[in-house]
Protein backbone atom coordinates (compact mmCIF):
# COMPACT_ATOMS: atom_id res chain seq x y z
CA UNK A 1 167.51 21.46 -144.79
CA UNK A 2 167.77 19.70 -141.45
CA UNK A 3 164.38 19.56 -139.47
CA UNK A 4 164.52 17.36 -136.38
CA UNK A 5 161.11 18.50 -135.43
CA UNK A 6 159.44 16.40 -138.35
CA UNK A 7 156.53 14.56 -136.73
CA UNK A 8 155.29 11.38 -137.91
CA UNK A 9 152.93 8.66 -136.92
CA UNK A 10 154.08 4.98 -138.10
CA UNK A 11 151.57 2.26 -138.22
CA UNK A 12 153.10 -1.34 -138.30
CA UNK A 13 151.22 -4.43 -139.31
CA UNK A 14 152.56 -7.02 -136.62
CA UNK A 15 151.93 -9.96 -138.93
CA UNK A 16 154.16 -8.51 -141.41
CA UNK A 17 157.08 -6.29 -140.31
CA UNK A 18 158.04 -4.73 -143.57
CA UNK A 19 154.43 -3.63 -144.07
CA UNK A 20 154.06 -0.11 -142.50
CA UNK A 21 152.85 3.22 -143.42
CA UNK A 22 153.93 6.65 -142.24
CA UNK A 23 151.37 9.52 -141.49
CA UNK A 24 153.37 12.56 -141.91
CA UNK A 25 152.01 15.51 -139.62
CA UNK A 26 154.80 17.90 -140.17
CA UNK A 27 157.84 17.30 -142.88
CA UNK A 28 160.86 18.76 -143.98
CA UNK A 29 159.33 19.59 -147.51
CA UNK A 30 156.70 22.28 -148.49
CA UNK A 31 153.33 20.29 -148.30
CA UNK A 32 152.07 22.41 -151.55
CA UNK A 33 154.76 21.60 -153.64
CA UNK A 34 154.90 17.99 -152.63
CA UNK A 35 150.75 17.25 -152.75
CA UNK A 36 151.04 19.10 -156.54
CA UNK A 37 153.76 16.25 -157.31
CA UNK A 38 152.11 13.17 -155.22
CA UNK A 39 150.02 10.31 -156.73
CA UNK A 40 146.60 9.01 -154.79
CA UNK A 41 146.30 5.45 -153.81
CA UNK A 42 142.86 4.22 -153.17
CA UNK A 43 142.40 2.50 -149.96
CA UNK A 44 138.60 1.56 -150.27
CA UNK A 45 136.61 4.74 -150.27
CA UNK A 46 139.76 6.78 -149.16
CA UNK A 47 142.26 8.36 -151.60
CA UNK A 48 145.67 8.34 -149.82
CA UNK A 49 148.42 11.06 -151.31
CA UNK A 50 151.95 9.35 -151.52
CA UNK A 51 154.76 11.64 -152.33
CA UNK A 52 157.06 11.21 -155.38
CA UNK A 53 160.18 9.52 -154.97
CA UNK A 54 162.11 12.74 -155.28
CA UNK A 55 160.30 14.54 -152.66
CA UNK A 56 160.41 11.40 -150.37
CA UNK A 57 164.22 11.77 -150.70
CA UNK A 58 164.31 15.36 -150.18
CA UNK A 59 162.25 14.99 -147.12
CA UNK A 60 164.57 11.77 -145.74
CA UNK A 61 167.50 14.08 -146.28
CA UNK A 62 166.15 16.65 -143.91
CA UNK A 63 165.41 14.39 -140.71
CA UNK A 64 169.00 13.79 -139.62
CA UNK A 65 168.23 10.14 -139.04
CA UNK A 66 170.45 7.51 -139.44
CA UNK A 67 168.38 5.08 -140.93
CA UNK A 68 166.94 7.43 -143.64
CA UNK A 69 170.46 7.41 -145.24
CA UNK A 70 169.96 4.01 -146.06
CA UNK A 71 166.32 4.51 -147.16
CA UNK A 72 167.78 7.22 -149.51
CA UNK A 73 169.95 4.90 -151.19
CA UNK A 74 167.50 2.63 -151.79
CA UNK A 75 165.04 5.18 -153.16
CA UNK A 76 168.12 6.45 -155.62
CA UNK A 77 168.51 3.12 -156.79
CA UNK A 78 164.56 2.77 -157.43
CA UNK A 79 164.65 5.83 -159.04
CA UNK A 80 167.46 4.85 -161.41
CA UNK A 81 165.76 1.61 -162.44
CA UNK A 82 162.61 3.35 -163.70
C-alpha cells in the first residue's frame, strides 16, 4: 500500500547524527496490529512502543520514499541475522 500521507516527527541528536527517533502520527500500517506486535523500551518512567522489524519494513514499503528502500534492505539483512 502506498501512502504518501504518513505523518512523522523526527527528533535528531545534533551531537550524534545517527541518533534519531521517529514519532509516527499517521502510518501505512494498522495501529492495532502493529502495537500488538511491538516491544516496549523504557526511557526513565516512560514506556515507548517500538515496531517489530516486520511492521517497520511494511511501513517503509508504503511510504514511497527513496531512502526507505535502503532502510528496507538493511532491515531485511538484520531480520535474516536473527
